[in-house]
Amino acid sequence: MIAAQIGAIFAVIMTSAIVLVYAERKVSAFMQMRIGPNRVGPWGILQTTADMLKLLSKEDIMPRAAERRVWALAPVLLFVPAVAAYAVLPLDAGLVFADLNIGIFYFVAISSQATLPFLMAGWASNNKYALLGGMRTVAQMISYEIPLVFSLLGVVMLTGSMKMSDIVGAQRDFWFILIQPAAFLVYVIAATAETNRTPFDLVEAESEIIAGPFTEYSGMRWSLFFLAEYANLVAVSAIAATVFLGGWQGPWLPGWLWFTAKVVMMIYIFMWFRWTFPRIRVDQLMSFGWKGLLPLALVNVVVTGIGIFIAQQWRG
């Protein structure tokens, strides 16, 4: 049973990566007044499949001066947390692999493990651009992990539970985005930085450091980094749908369809960010995270606590 569940998660990640790469190319083409993929298959829908086959057939080249074991282990260690995070995502009422009492805490703990593999890849490549990208990863992900956690804390305070199904159940009458708009804003910005997407893609800024920690990777190993990026994109979108947009709650349609629609909407927002905003500088990134986003998240927690206290006093 567990093997079937793990296989299902892998199937979801592989399928979503193929679909999302094609969708992102079409979205970027639309925003830049281009056609996008249109040669391989009808409407270009087989372009991503062709790219995947090309990646799988590429030679796996390891730099001579690389730290071999650490270099080879880094992409695997990055992909494992991305898969493990899916275990607590509630697709519908009763449709979740593991509805843990500490579901939100589990997601934050698992997703934060992605920092170390990036640093491992950058250091073990024995390349100055890769090392610089790895160090940028550590600074960026730690800086934005803190406001992301505080943005989720307000919802946990309101529900009194870290269980995903409890959080969705508490949104039966209204979604938490209506009473936690600041937390939702902080979460979306921090999640964009956590997934290393534009305008926070300094980790692999091609015009500055080639591709950062991925510079010396090719073939299947590079594909694991690629898959992990899109797996994380789906995961943070699913958490946004669960925590702020009512999860599977919605009229008439089946719950899993509502959940899928909300996740797709969040993915489109992240794609819209990527193809709209320019990349910011490193100093701007750090300043915005510590001086703007974190204070806003802390104020939201304090205001939420005051609101809960007043509500309890009102009820007597």
Protein backbone atom coordinates (compact mmCIF):
# COMPACT_ATOMS: atom_id res chain seq x y z
CA MET A 1 0.00 0.00 0.00
CA ILE A 2 2.80 2.41 0.94
CA ALA A 3 4.66 1.53 -2.27
CA ALA A 4 1.50 2.29 -4.29
CA GLN A 5 1.13 5.67 -2.53
CA ILE A 6 4.77 6.57 -3.21
CA GLY A 7 4.33 5.50 -6.84
CA ALA A 8 1.23 7.70 -7.11
CA ILE A 9 3.16 10.70 -5.77
CA PHE A 10 5.97 10.10 -8.29
CA ALA A 11 3.38 9.85 -11.10
CA VAL A 12 1.77 13.12 -10.02
CA ILE A 13 5.14 14.90 -9.91
CA MET A 14 6.31 13.58 -13.30
CA THR A 15 3.00 14.41 -14.98
CA SER A 16 2.72 17.84 -13.39
CA ALA A 17 6.31 18.70 -14.41
CA ILE A 18 5.62 17.85 -18.07
CA VAL A 19 2.32 19.74 -18.09
CA LEU A 20 3.65 22.77 -16.18
CA VAL A 21 6.72 23.23 -18.38
CA TYR A 22 4.46 23.33 -21.44
CA ALA A 23 1.98 25.62 -19.66
CA GLU A 24 4.72 28.00 -18.50
CA ARG A 25 6.10 28.26 -22.03
CA LYS A 26 2.64 29.12 -23.32
CA VAL A 27 2.04 31.64 -20.51
CA SER A 28 5.40 33.35 -21.12
CA ALA A 29 4.71 33.42 -24.87
CA PHE A 30 1.29 34.99 -24.24
CA MET A 31 2.80 37.69 -22.02
CA GLN A 32 5.56 38.41 -24.55
CA MET A 33 3.20 38.34 -27.57
CA ARG A 34 4.76 35.17 -29.01
CA ILE A 35 3.23 31.85 -30.11
CA GLY A 36 5.33 29.54 -27.96
CA PRO A 37 5.87 25.81 -28.72
CA ASN A 38 4.11 24.93 -31.97
CA ARG A 39 6.31 22.49 -33.94
CA VAL A 40 6.39 19.16 -32.08
CA GLY A 41 2.91 17.61 -32.12
CA PRO A 42 -0.41 19.45 -32.36
CA TRP A 43 -0.11 22.91 -30.70
CA GLY A 44 3.41 21.90 -29.65
CA ILE A 45 2.16 19.70 -26.79
CA LEU A 46 4.89 17.10 -27.38
CA GLN A 47 7.73 19.64 -27.10
CA THR A 48 8.21 18.95 -23.37
CA THR A 49 8.24 15.19 -23.97
CA ALA A 50 10.92 15.65 -26.65
CA ASP A 51 12.97 17.79 -24.26
CA MET A 52 12.65 15.15 -21.55
CA LEU A 53 13.89 12.40 -23.89
CA LYS A 54 16.80 14.64 -24.91
CA LEU A 55 17.76 15.15 -21.26
CA LEU A 56 17.61 11.42 -20.50
CA SER A 57 19.88 10.62 -23.46
CA LYS A 58 22.54 13.21 -22.56
CA GLU A 59 25.93 12.14 -21.24
CA ASP A 60 26.37 12.38 -17.49
CA ILE A 61 29.58 14.40 -17.04
CA MET A 62 31.24 14.75 -13.63
CA PRO A 63 33.90 17.46 -13.15
CA ARG A 64 37.36 15.99 -12.52
CA ALA A 65 37.97 18.12 -9.42
CA ALA A 66 34.50 17.62 -7.91
CA GLU A 67 33.91 16.01 -4.52
CA ARG A 68 32.37 12.94 -6.14
CA ARG A 69 30.08 11.49 -3.44
CA VAL A 70 28.68 14.83 -2.23
CA TRP A 71 28.24 16.04 -5.83
CA ALA A 72 26.31 12.90 -6.82
CA LEU A 73 24.18 12.87 -3.65
CA ALA A 74 23.01 16.52 -3.82
CA PRO A 75 20.29 16.20 -6.55
CA VAL A 76 18.86 13.07 -4.89
CA LEU A 77 18.67 14.74 -1.47
CA LEU A 78 16.91 17.73 -3.04
CA PHE A 79 14.29 15.59 -4.77
CA VAL A 80 13.40 13.48 -1.69
CA PRO A 81 11.99 16.37 0.46
CA ALA A 82 10.03 17.65 -2.57
CA VAL A 83 8.32 14.25 -2.81
CA ALA A 84 7.87 13.81 0.96
CA ALA A 85 5.99 17.12 1.25
CA TYR A 86 3.11 15.69 -0.82
CA ALA A 87 2.23 13.20 1.93
CA VAL A 88 0.20 15.75 3.93
CA LEU A 89 -1.57 17.59 1.09
CA PRO A 90 -5.36 17.03 1.39
CA LEU A 91 -6.83 16.62 -2.11
CA ASP A 92 -10.41 16.11 -0.87
CA ALA A 93 -12.30 15.18 2.30
CA GLY A 94 -10.58 11.99 3.49
CA LEU A 95 -8.28 11.94 0.44
CA VAL A 96 -4.83 12.52 1.96
CA PHE A 97 -1.89 10.14 2.26
CA ALA A 98 -1.16 11.06 5.89
CA ASP A 99 -3.43 13.50 7.79
CA LEU A 100 -0.91 14.21 10.54
CA ASN A 101 -1.74 16.20 13.69
CA ILE A 102 1.33 18.31 12.87
CA GLY A 103 0.70 18.54 9.11
CA ILE A 104 1.78 22.20 8.69
CA PHE A 105 4.82 21.69 10.92
CA TYR A 106 5.76 18.57 8.90
CA PHE A 107 5.53 20.51 5.62
CA VAL A 108 7.70 23.37 6.90
CA ALA A 109 10.27 20.97 8.39
CA ILE A 110 10.50 18.87 5.22
CA SER A 111 10.63 21.78 2.78
CA SER A 112 13.37 23.53 4.78
CA GLN A 113 15.66 20.55 4.16
CA ALA A 114 16.13 21.75 0.57
CA THR A 115 18.73 24.30 1.66
CA LEU A 116 21.51 21.80 2.36
CA PRO A 117 21.47 19.97 -1.04
CA PHE A 118 21.84 23.31 -2.85
CA LEU A 119 24.91 24.13 -0.75
CA MET A 120 26.27 20.60 -1.26
CA ALA A 121 25.91 20.93 -5.04
CA GLY A 122 27.59 24.33 -5.09
CA TRP A 123 30.51 23.35 -2.83
CA ALA A 124 31.15 19.91 -4.33
CA SER A 125 31.25 21.19 -7.93
CA ASN A 126 34.58 22.96 -7.25
CA ASN A 127 33.37 25.87 -9.37
CA LYS A 128 33.32 29.48 -8.14
CA TYR A 129 29.99 30.25 -9.80
CA ALA A 130 28.39 27.10 -8.34
CA LEU A 131 29.74 27.92 -4.85
CA LEU A 132 28.46 31.49 -5.07
CA GLY A 133 25.03 30.19 -6.11
CA GLY A 134 25.02 27.70 -3.22
CA MET A 135 25.85 30.42 -0.70
CA ARG A 136 23.14 32.64 -2.17
CA THR A 137 20.69 29.76 -1.70
CA VAL A 138 21.46 29.48 2.01
CA ALA A 139 21.10 33.24 2.58
CA GLN A 140 17.88 33.51 0.56
CA MET A 141 16.06 30.43 1.83
CA ILE A 142 16.83 31.07 5.51
CA SER A 143 15.81 34.74 5.17
CA TYR A 144 12.44 33.93 3.58
CA GLU A 145 11.71 30.72 5.51
CA ILE A 146 11.10 32.74 8.69
CA PRO A 147 8.38 35.10 7.33
CA LEU A 148 6.78 32.12 5.55
CA VAL A 149 6.43 30.26 8.85
CA PHE A 150 5.03 33.34 10.60
CA SER A 151 2.49 33.82 7.78
CA LEU A 152 1.15 30.30 8.49
CA LEU A 153 1.21 30.86 12.26
CA GLY A 154 -1.76 33.27 12.14
CA VAL A 155 -3.98 30.56 10.62
CA VAL A 156 -2.76 28.00 13.17
CA MET A 157 -3.67 30.44 15.97
CA LEU A 158 -7.20 30.85 14.54
CA THR A 159 -7.87 27.12 14.14
CA GLY A 160 -5.92 25.90 17.17
CA SER A 161 -4.63 23.01 15.10
CA MET A 162 -1.79 22.15 12.72
CA LYS A 163 -3.81 19.36 11.10
CA MET A 164 -4.55 20.08 7.43
CA SER A 165 -8.10 18.67 7.51
CA ASP A 166 -8.92 20.82 10.59
CA ILE A 167 -7.64 23.96 8.83
CA VAL A 168 -9.79 23.24 5.76
CA GLY A 169 -12.79 22.38 7.96
CA ALA A 170 -12.48 25.74 9.79
CA GLN A 171 -12.98 27.52 6.44
CA ARG A 172 -16.47 26.11 5.91
CA ASP A 173 -18.12 29.57 6.22
CA PHE A 174 -15.33 31.84 4.92
CA TRP A 175 -11.81 31.45 3.58
CA PHE A 176 -8.90 32.61 5.72
CA ILE A 177 -7.65 34.89 2.94
CA LEU A 178 -10.52 37.24 3.95
CA ILE A 179 -9.32 37.66 7.55
CA GLN A 180 -5.60 37.03 6.92
CA PRO A 181 -4.86 39.05 3.73
CA ALA A 182 -1.47 40.25 5.01
CA ALA A 183 -0.47 36.67 5.86
CA PHE A 184 -1.50 35.52 2.37
CA LEU A 185 0.58 38.30 0.79
CA VAL A 186 3.61 37.40 2.91
CA TYR A 187 3.16 33.70 2.11
CA VAL A 188 2.98 34.25 -1.67
CA ILE A 189 6.10 36.46 -1.71
CA ALA A 190 8.07 34.15 0.61
CA ALA A 191 6.99 31.06 -1.35
CA THR A 192 8.19 32.69 -4.58
CA ALA A 193 11.59 33.19 -2.96
CA GLU A 194 11.61 29.67 -1.48
CA THR A 195 11.06 28.16 -4.94
CA ASN A 196 13.81 30.38 -6.43
CA ARG A 197 11.56 31.88 -9.05
CA THR A 198 11.80 35.36 -10.58
CA PRO A 199 12.14 38.03 -9.21
CA PHE A 200 14.02 35.98 -6.56
CA ASP A 201 15.99 33.67 -8.88
CA LEU A 202 19.41 34.94 -7.82
CA VAL A 203 20.42 31.37 -6.99
CA GLU A 204 20.79 30.51 -10.69
CA ALA A 205 20.96 33.99 -12.24
CA GLU A 206 22.29 33.01 -15.68
CA SER A 207 23.59 36.49 -16.54
CA GLU A 208 25.62 36.66 -13.31
CA ILE A 209 26.67 33.16 -12.21
CA ILE A 210 25.74 30.98 -15.24
CA ALA A 211 23.34 28.62 -13.42
CA GLY A 212 24.59 28.68 -9.83
CA PRO A 213 24.67 25.25 -8.14
CA PHE A 214 23.46 23.56 -11.36
CA THR A 215 26.38 24.80 -13.50
CA GLU A 216 28.30 21.49 -13.52
CA TYR A 217 25.26 19.17 -13.77
CA SER A 218 23.81 17.61 -16.92
CA GLY A 219 21.48 14.85 -18.03
CA MET A 220 19.46 12.98 -15.42
CA ARG A 221 21.12 14.66 -12.43
CA TRP A 222 20.15 18.10 -13.77
CA SER A 223 16.65 16.73 -14.42
CA LEU A 224 16.26 15.94 -10.71
CA PHE A 225 16.90 19.62 -9.88
CA PHE A 226 14.37 20.55 -12.56
CA LEU A 227 11.74 18.11 -11.24
CA ALA A 228 12.28 19.29 -7.66
CA GLU A 229 11.66 22.91 -8.73
CA TYR A 230 8.27 22.12 -10.26
CA ALA A 231 7.37 19.70 -7.46
CA ASN A 232 7.98 22.51 -4.97
CA LEU A 233 5.93 24.92 -7.09
CA VAL A 234 2.92 22.58 -6.95
CA ALA A 235 3.45 21.95 -3.23
CA VAL A 236 3.52 25.64 -2.19
CA SER A 237 0.47 26.29 -4.41
CA ALA A 238 -1.37 23.40 -2.73
CA ILE A 239 -0.51 24.75 0.73
CA ALA A 240 -1.82 28.20 -0.28
CA ALA A 241 -5.06 26.59 -1.49
CA THR A 242 -5.36 24.57 1.73
CA VAL A 243 -4.49 27.25 4.27
CA PHE A 244 -5.96 30.40 2.70
CA LEU A 245 -8.42 29.40 -0.05
CA GLY A 246 -10.62 26.81 1.66
CA GLY A 247 -8.92 23.66 0.33
CA TRP A 248 -11.48 21.35 -1.23
CA GLN A 249 -14.43 23.47 -0.01
CA GLY A 250 -16.76 24.81 -2.74
CA PRO A 251 -20.33 24.50 -4.05
CA TRP A 252 -21.71 21.99 -6.59
CA LEU A 253 -18.43 20.59 -7.95
CA PRO A 254 -16.51 17.67 -6.38
CA GLY A 255 -13.98 18.65 -3.72
CA TRP A 256 -10.93 17.39 -5.61
CA LEU A 257 -11.96 19.53 -8.61
CA TRP A 258 -12.21 22.66 -6.43
CA PHE A 259 -8.82 21.88 -4.91
CA THR A 260 -7.25 21.36 -8.35
CA ALA A 261 -8.74 24.61 -9.67
CA LYS A 262 -7.35 26.59 -6.72
CA VAL A 263 -3.91 25.02 -7.11
CA VAL A 264 -3.89 25.82 -10.85
CA MET A 265 -4.86 29.42 -10.10
CA MET A 266 -1.98 29.78 -7.61
CA ILE A 267 0.47 28.23 -10.10
CA TYR A 268 -0.65 30.76 -12.71
CA ILE A 269 -0.01 33.60 -10.22
CA PHE A 270 3.55 32.34 -9.61
CA MET A 271 4.11 32.09 -13.40
CA TRP A 272 2.70 35.57 -13.83
CA PHE A 273 5.22 36.87 -11.26
CA ARG A 274 8.08 35.17 -13.09
CA TRP A 275 7.32 36.66 -16.47
CA THR A 276 6.33 40.13 -15.20
CA PHE A 277 8.86 41.29 -12.60
CA PRO A 278 12.60 41.78 -13.23
CA ARG A 279 15.24 40.10 -11.08
CA ILE A 280 16.23 42.15 -8.01
CA ARG A 281 19.76 42.57 -6.61
CA VAL A 282 21.12 40.51 -3.71
CA ASP A 283 21.17 43.45 -1.29
CA GLN A 284 17.58 44.34 -2.26
CA LEU A 285 16.55 40.72 -1.69
CA MET A 286 18.00 40.58 1.82
CA SER A 287 16.78 44.04 2.79
CA PHE A 288 13.23 43.33 1.63
CA GLY A 289 13.11 40.01 3.49
CA TRP A 290 14.41 41.22 6.86
CA LYS A 291 13.16 44.85 6.89
CA GLY A 292 9.87 44.48 5.05
CA LEU A 293 8.45 40.98 4.98
CA LEU A 294 9.44 39.75 8.45
CA PRO A 295 8.09 42.82 10.35
CA LEU A 296 4.83 42.58 8.39
CA ALA A 297 4.50 38.89 9.30
CA LEU A 298 5.21 39.63 12.99
CA VAL A 299 2.64 42.45 13.08
CA ASN A 300 0.07 40.09 11.56
CA VAL A 301 0.73 37.53 14.31
CA VAL A 302 0.36 40.18 17.04
CA VAL A 303 -2.86 41.58 15.52
CA THR A 304 -4.27 38.05 15.17
CA GLY A 305 -3.49 37.34 18.82
CA ILE A 306 -5.20 40.56 19.93
CA GLY A 307 -8.24 39.73 17.79
CA ILE A 308 -8.50 36.23 19.30
CA PHE A 309 -8.24 37.68 22.84
CA ILE A 310 -10.97 40.26 22.17
CA ALA A 311 -13.23 37.58 20.65
CA GLN A 312 -12.78 35.35 23.72
CA GLN A 313 -13.55 38.25 26.08
CA TRP A 314 -16.65 39.13 24.03
CA ARG A 315 -18.00 35.59 24.31
CA GLY A 316 -17.38 35.66 28.04
